[in-house]
């Protein structure tokens, strides 16, 4: 039994829960801040266009990708949305699952426990599985937590679904 507890030390049942979040069967927790609109249902093969921010909620809530920082001059960032194809496994699995039940315009907070729903331990550049922090300091903050087994490696993502581009069946997309 002790060996089993050791293997499950960072399993979702050991992660802190939050009353105002809904616990999903996979171990993630989510809260809809704004419900999206439309009758679009997201399916495997569709491309989602989204904006995001991320925090090390289990370790002092430090941002590793933040929005709304200083404005003006060198601080202005071009608005650059991210894109991923559902089922391509190019984003954290917890986020890919969260997108499936969202509608365009929706904003959702997603708590992702460390493990199979989070970033993989063998991709510290975050080139295979994203979203990748846009700054070196953000990537460094994220990796500090992910590589440190002595801290709670739970992450909080804020995601806004901008639009859903439906697959056209030929490798392309119909803009949503």
C-alpha atoms as a PDB file:
ATOM      1  CA  UNK A   1       0.000   0.000   0.000  1.00  0.00           C
ATOM      2  CA  UNK A   2       2.887   2.369   0.747  1.00  0.00           C
ATOM      3  CA  UNK A   3       4.280   1.858  -2.770  1.00  0.00           C
ATOM      4  CA  UNK A   4       0.852   2.626  -4.249  1.00  0.00           C
ATOM      5  CA  UNK A   5       0.636   5.867  -2.222  1.00  0.00           C
ATOM      6  CA  UNK A   6       4.100   6.864  -3.457  1.00  0.00           C
ATOM      7  CA  UNK A   7       3.045   6.386  -7.091  1.00  0.00           C
ATOM      8  CA  UNK A   8      -0.116   8.448  -6.539  1.00  0.00           C
ATOM      9  CA  UNK A   9       1.544  11.270  -4.587  1.00  0.00           C
ATOM     10  CA  UNK A  10       0.775  13.853  -7.288  1.00  0.00           C
ATOM     11  CA  UNK A  11      -2.425  12.268  -8.574  1.00  0.00           C
ATOM     12  CA  UNK A  12      -5.472  14.541  -8.888  1.00  0.00           C
ATOM     13  CA  UNK A  13      -7.073  13.284  -5.658  1.00  0.00           C
ATOM     14  CA  UNK A  14      -4.202  14.899  -3.709  1.00  0.00           C
ATOM     15  CA  UNK A  15      -4.546  18.278  -5.405  1.00  0.00           C
ATOM     16  CA  UNK A  16      -6.347  21.053  -3.555  1.00  0.00           C
ATOM     17  CA  UNK A  17      -9.943  21.534  -4.620  1.00  0.00           C
ATOM     18  CA  UNK A  18     -11.744  24.838  -5.009  1.00  0.00           C
ATOM     19  CA  UNK A  19     -15.434  25.133  -4.059  1.00  0.00           C
ATOM     20  CA  UNK A  20     -16.393  27.365  -6.975  1.00  0.00           C
ATOM     21  CA  UNK A  21     -14.783  25.074  -9.567  1.00  0.00           C
ATOM     22  CA  UNK A  22     -16.405  22.009 -11.115  1.00  0.00           C
ATOM     23  CA  UNK A  23     -14.353  18.816 -10.809  1.00  0.00           C
ATOM     24  CA  UNK A  24     -14.174  16.969 -14.129  1.00  0.00           C
ATOM     25  CA  UNK A  25     -13.877  13.161 -14.123  1.00  0.00           C
ATOM     26  CA  UNK A  26     -10.359  13.370 -15.633  1.00  0.00           C
ATOM     27  CA  UNK A  27      -8.982  15.262 -12.601  1.00  0.00           C
ATOM     28  CA  UNK A  28      -9.056  18.825 -13.943  1.00  0.00           C
ATOM     29  CA  UNK A  29     -11.263  21.472 -12.393  1.00  0.00           C
ATOM     30  CA  UNK A  30     -12.898  24.332 -14.251  1.00  0.00           C
ATOM     31  CA  UNK A  31     -15.025  27.409 -13.836  1.00  0.00           C
ATOM     32  CA  UNK A  32     -16.747  29.288 -16.631  1.00  0.00           C
ATOM     33  CA  UNK A  33     -16.165  33.009 -16.153  1.00  0.00           C
ATOM     34  CA  UNK A  34     -18.159  33.830 -19.276  1.00  0.00           C
ATOM     35  CA  UNK A  35     -20.316  31.418 -21.242  1.00  0.00           C
ATOM     36  CA  UNK A  36     -19.746  31.596 -24.989  1.00  0.00           C
ATOM     37  CA  UNK A  37     -22.491  31.832 -27.567  1.00  0.00           C
ATOM     38  CA  UNK A  38     -23.439  30.084 -30.776  1.00  0.00           C
ATOM     39  CA  UNK A  39     -24.397  26.597 -31.809  1.00  0.00           C
ATOM     40  CA  UNK A  40     -20.910  25.452 -32.804  1.00  0.00           C
ATOM     41  CA  UNK A  41     -19.883  22.160 -31.260  1.00  0.00           C
ATOM     42  CA  UNK A  42     -16.189  21.374 -31.212  1.00  0.00           C
ATOM     43  CA  UNK A  43     -15.127  18.029 -32.640  1.00  0.00           C
ATOM     44  CA  UNK A  44     -11.834  16.284 -33.210  1.00  0.00           C
ATOM     45  CA  UNK A  45     -10.143  17.806 -36.259  1.00  0.00           C
ATOM     46  CA  UNK A  46     -11.537  21.308 -35.687  1.00  0.00           C
ATOM     47  CA  UNK A  47      -9.122  24.184 -35.125  1.00  0.00           C
ATOM     48  CA  UNK A  48      -9.651  26.396 -32.095  1.00  0.00           C
ATOM     49  CA  UNK A  49      -8.295  29.934 -31.927  1.00  0.00           C
ATOM     50  CA  UNK A  50      -7.738  31.076 -28.345  1.00  0.00           C
ATOM     51  CA  UNK A  51      -6.034  33.476 -25.992  1.00  0.00           C
ATOM     52  CA  UNK A  52      -4.540  32.336 -22.696  1.00  0.00           C
ATOM     53  CA  UNK A  53      -2.690  33.119 -19.516  1.00  0.00           C
ATOM     54  CA  UNK A  54      -1.126  30.694 -17.048  1.00  0.00           C
ATOM     55  CA  UNK A  55      -0.188  30.618 -13.376  1.00  0.00           C
ATOM     56  CA  UNK A  56       1.617  28.243 -11.030  1.00  0.00           C
ATOM     57  CA  UNK A  57      -1.402  28.114  -8.732  1.00  0.00           C
ATOM     58  CA  UNK A  58       0.188  25.448  -6.540  1.00  0.00           C
ATOM     59  CA  UNK A  59       3.329  27.554  -6.008  1.00  0.00           C
ATOM     60  CA  UNK A  60       2.554  31.143  -4.975  1.00  0.00           C
ATOM     61  CA  UNK A  61       0.345  31.790  -8.025  1.00  0.00           C
ATOM     62  CA  UNK A  62       3.214  33.101 -10.121  1.00  0.00           C
ATOM     63  CA  UNK A  63       2.328  33.954 -13.724  1.00  0.00           C
ATOM     64  CA  UNK A  64       4.196  32.174 -16.497  1.00  0.00           C
ATOM     65  CA  UNK A  65       2.090  33.838 -19.186  1.00  0.00           C
ATOM     66  CA  UNK A  66       0.196  36.966 -18.213  1.00  0.00           C
ATOM     67  CA  UNK A  67      -1.950  39.532 -19.969  1.00  0.00           C
ATOM     68  CA  UNK A  68      -2.602  43.139 -19.025  1.00  0.00           C
ATOM     69  CA  UNK A  69       0.912  44.189 -18.039  1.00  0.00           C
ATOM     70  CA  UNK A  70       2.434  47.642 -18.580  1.00  0.00           C
ATOM     71  CA  UNK A  71       1.173  49.488 -21.646  1.00  0.00           C
ATOM     72  CA  UNK A  72       2.989  51.718 -24.091  1.00  0.00           C
ATOM     73  CA  UNK A  73       6.294  51.751 -25.950  1.00  0.00           C
ATOM     74  CA  UNK A  74       8.357  48.605 -25.675  1.00  0.00           C
ATOM     75  CA  UNK A  75       5.722  46.992 -23.440  1.00  0.00           C
ATOM     76  CA  UNK A  76       2.989  46.876 -26.081  1.00  0.00           C
ATOM     77  CA  UNK A  77       2.470  43.388 -27.396  1.00  0.00           C
ATOM     78  CA  UNK A  78       0.745  42.616 -30.633  1.00  0.00           C
ATOM     79  CA  UNK A  79      -2.400  40.610 -30.051  1.00  0.00           C
ATOM     80  CA  UNK A  80      -1.398  37.165 -31.189  1.00  0.00           C
ATOM     81  CA  UNK A  81      -3.901  34.395 -30.702  1.00  0.00           C
ATOM     82  CA  UNK A  82      -2.873  30.756 -30.456  1.00  0.00           C
ATOM     83  CA  UNK A  83      -4.297  27.971 -32.579  1.00  0.00           C
ATOM     84  CA  UNK A  84      -4.484  24.239 -32.155  1.00  0.00           C
ATOM     85  CA  UNK A  85      -6.275  21.405 -33.873  1.00  0.00           C
ATOM     86  CA  UNK A  86      -8.368  19.341 -31.472  1.00  0.00           C
ATOM     87  CA  UNK A  87      -6.971  15.808 -31.389  1.00  0.00           C
ATOM     88  CA  UNK A  88      -3.485  16.838 -32.555  1.00  0.00           C
ATOM     89  CA  UNK A  89      -2.139  16.588 -28.984  1.00  0.00           C
ATOM     90  CA  UNK A  90      -0.134  19.811 -29.343  1.00  0.00           C
ATOM     91  CA  UNK A  91      -1.527  21.478 -26.212  1.00  0.00           C
ATOM     92  CA  UNK A  92      -1.693  20.358 -22.605  1.00  0.00           C
ATOM     93  CA  UNK A  93      -4.299  17.532 -22.545  1.00  0.00           C
ATOM     94  CA  UNK A  94      -6.266  19.250 -19.780  1.00  0.00           C
ATOM     95  CA  UNK A  95      -6.788  22.285 -22.023  1.00  0.00           C
ATOM     96  CA  UNK A  96      -7.713  20.252 -25.075  1.00  0.00           C
ATOM     97  CA  UNK A  97     -10.453  18.559 -23.048  1.00  0.00           C
ATOM     98  CA  UNK A  98     -11.616  21.917 -21.669  1.00  0.00           C
ATOM     99  CA  UNK A  99     -12.064  23.343 -25.177  1.00  0.00           C
ATOM    100  CA  UNK A 100     -14.452  20.544 -26.179  1.00  0.00           C
ATOM    101  CA  UNK A 101     -17.373  21.908 -24.167  1.00  0.00           C
ATOM    102  CA  UNK A 102     -16.775  25.624 -24.823  1.00  0.00           C
ATOM    103  CA  UNK A 103     -18.485  28.025 -27.236  1.00  0.00           C
ATOM    104  CA  UNK A 104     -16.848  30.979 -29.032  1.00  0.00           C
ATOM    105  CA  UNK A 105     -16.478  34.005 -26.760  1.00  0.00           C
ATOM    106  CA  UNK A 106     -16.351  31.808 -23.671  1.00  0.00           C
ATOM    107  CA  UNK A 107     -13.787  32.352 -20.932  1.00  0.00           C
ATOM    108  CA  UNK A 108     -12.871  29.425 -18.704  1.00  0.00           C
ATOM    109  CA  UNK A 109     -10.460  28.930 -15.837  1.00  0.00           C
ATOM    110  CA  UNK A 110      -8.935  25.451 -15.856  1.00  0.00           C
ATOM    111  CA  UNK A 111      -6.954  23.920 -12.992  1.00  0.00           C
ATOM    112  CA  UNK A 112      -4.622  21.261 -14.360  1.00  0.00           C
ATOM    113  CA  UNK A 113      -2.925  18.845 -11.931  1.00  0.00           C
ATOM    114  CA  UNK A 114       0.621  17.701 -12.552  1.00  0.00           C
ATOM    115  CA  UNK A 115       0.793  14.446 -14.467  1.00  0.00           C
ATOM    116  CA  UNK A 116      -0.670  13.175 -17.727  1.00  0.00           C
ATOM    117  CA  UNK A 117      -3.012  16.192 -18.121  1.00  0.00           C
ATOM    118  CA  UNK A 118      -0.173  18.723 -17.827  1.00  0.00           C
ATOM    119  CA  UNK A 119       3.056  19.496 -19.678  1.00  0.00           C
ATOM    120  CA  UNK A 120       5.216  16.400 -20.291  1.00  0.00           C
ATOM    121  CA  UNK A 121       8.490  16.232 -18.340  1.00  0.00           C
ATOM    122  CA  UNK A 122      10.564  15.523 -21.471  1.00  0.00           C
ATOM    123  CA  UNK A 123       9.665  18.764 -23.335  1.00  0.00           C
ATOM    124  CA  UNK A 124      11.118  21.602 -21.256  1.00  0.00           C
ATOM    125  CA  UNK A 125      11.268  23.910 -24.284  1.00  0.00           C
ATOM    126  CA  UNK A 126       7.492  23.379 -24.670  1.00  0.00           C
ATOM    127  CA  UNK A 127       7.863  22.995 -28.434  1.00  0.00           C
ATOM    128  CA  UNK A 128       5.871  19.758 -28.756  1.00  0.00           C
ATOM    129  CA  UNK A 129       3.148  20.419 -26.197  1.00  0.00           C
ATOM    130  CA  UNK A 130       2.011  23.982 -25.591  1.00  0.00           C
ATOM    131  CA  UNK A 131       0.966  26.546 -25.039  1.00  0.00           C
ATOM    132  CA  UNK A 132       4.517  27.849 -24.774  1.00  0.00           C
ATOM    133  CA  UNK A 133       5.165  30.902 -22.604  1.00  0.00           C
ATOM    134  CA  UNK A 134       6.059  33.880 -24.807  1.00  0.00           C
ATOM    135  CA  UNK A 135       8.946  35.097 -22.630  1.00  0.00           C
ATOM    136  CA  UNK A 136      12.103  33.486 -21.285  1.00  0.00           C
ATOM    137  CA  UNK A 137      11.162  34.472 -17.733  1.00  0.00           C
ATOM    138  CA  UNK A 138       7.737  32.856 -18.134  1.00  0.00           C
ATOM    139  CA  UNK A 139       9.271  29.641 -19.408  1.00  0.00           C
ATOM    140  CA  UNK A 140      11.776  29.709 -16.556  1.00  0.00           C
ATOM    141  CA  UNK A 141       9.022  30.186 -13.943  1.00  0.00           C
ATOM    142  CA  UNK A 142       6.997  27.332 -15.424  1.00  0.00           C
ATOM    143  CA  UNK A 143       9.981  24.981 -15.592  1.00  0.00           C
ATOM    144  CA  UNK A 144      11.047  25.805 -12.032  1.00  0.00           C
ATOM    145  CA  UNK A 145       7.727  24.421 -10.820  1.00  0.00           C
ATOM    146  CA  UNK A 146       7.490  21.501 -13.253  1.00  0.00           C
ATOM    147  CA  UNK A 147      11.001  20.282 -12.418  1.00  0.00           C
ATOM    148  CA  UNK A 148      10.620  20.603  -8.637  1.00  0.00           C
ATOM    149  CA  UNK A 149       8.961  17.576  -7.008  1.00  0.00           C
ATOM    150  CA  UNK A 150       8.930  19.336  -3.616  1.00  0.00           C
ATOM    151  CA  UNK A 151       6.286  21.886  -4.653  1.00  0.00           C
ATOM    152  CA  UNK A 152       2.689  21.575  -5.793  1.00  0.00           C
ATOM    153  CA  UNK A 153       2.939  21.578  -9.597  1.00  0.00           C
ATOM    154  CA  UNK A 154      -0.729  22.390 -10.196  1.00  0.00           C
ATOM    155  CA  UNK A 155      -1.319  25.000 -12.921  1.00  0.00           C
ATOM    156  CA  UNK A 156      -4.156  27.440 -13.583  1.00  0.00           C
ATOM    157  CA  UNK A 157      -4.969  28.430 -17.149  1.00  0.00           C
ATOM    158  CA  UNK A 158      -7.350  31.186 -18.184  1.00  0.00           C
ATOM    159  CA  UNK A 159      -8.515  30.470 -21.722  1.00  0.00           C
ATOM    160  CA  UNK A 160     -10.724  32.522 -24.009  1.00  0.00           C
ATOM    161  CA  UNK A 161     -12.116  30.767 -27.069  1.00  0.00           C
ATOM    162  CA  UNK A 162     -12.006  33.290 -29.911  1.00  0.00           C
ATOM    163  CA  UNK A 163     -13.451  31.097 -32.672  1.00  0.00           C
ATOM    164  CA  UNK A 164     -13.787  27.553 -33.983  1.00  0.00           C
ATOM    165  CA  UNK A 165     -12.673  26.775 -37.531  1.00  0.00           C
ATOM    166  CA  UNK A 166     -14.443  23.635 -38.696  1.00  0.00           C
ATOM    167  CA  UNK A 167     -12.433  21.020 -40.591  1.00  0.00           C
ATOM    168  CA  UNK A 168     -13.293  20.882 -44.289  1.00  0.00           C
ATOM    169  CA  UNK A 169     -12.321  17.208 -44.498  1.00  0.00           C
ATOM    170  CA  UNK A 170      -9.408  17.883 -46.857  1.00  0.00           C
ATOM    171  CA  UNK A 171      -6.823  19.104 -44.356  1.00  0.00           C
ATOM    172  CA  UNK A 172      -8.103  22.675 -44.438  1.00  0.00           C
ATOM    173  CA  UNK A 173     -10.514  24.708 -42.355  1.00  0.00           C
ATOM    174  CA  UNK A 174     -13.641  26.771 -42.811  1.00  0.00           C
ATOM    175  CA  UNK A 175     -13.161  29.958 -40.811  1.00  0.00           C
ATOM    176  CA  UNK A 176     -15.691  30.191 -37.966  1.00  0.00           C
END
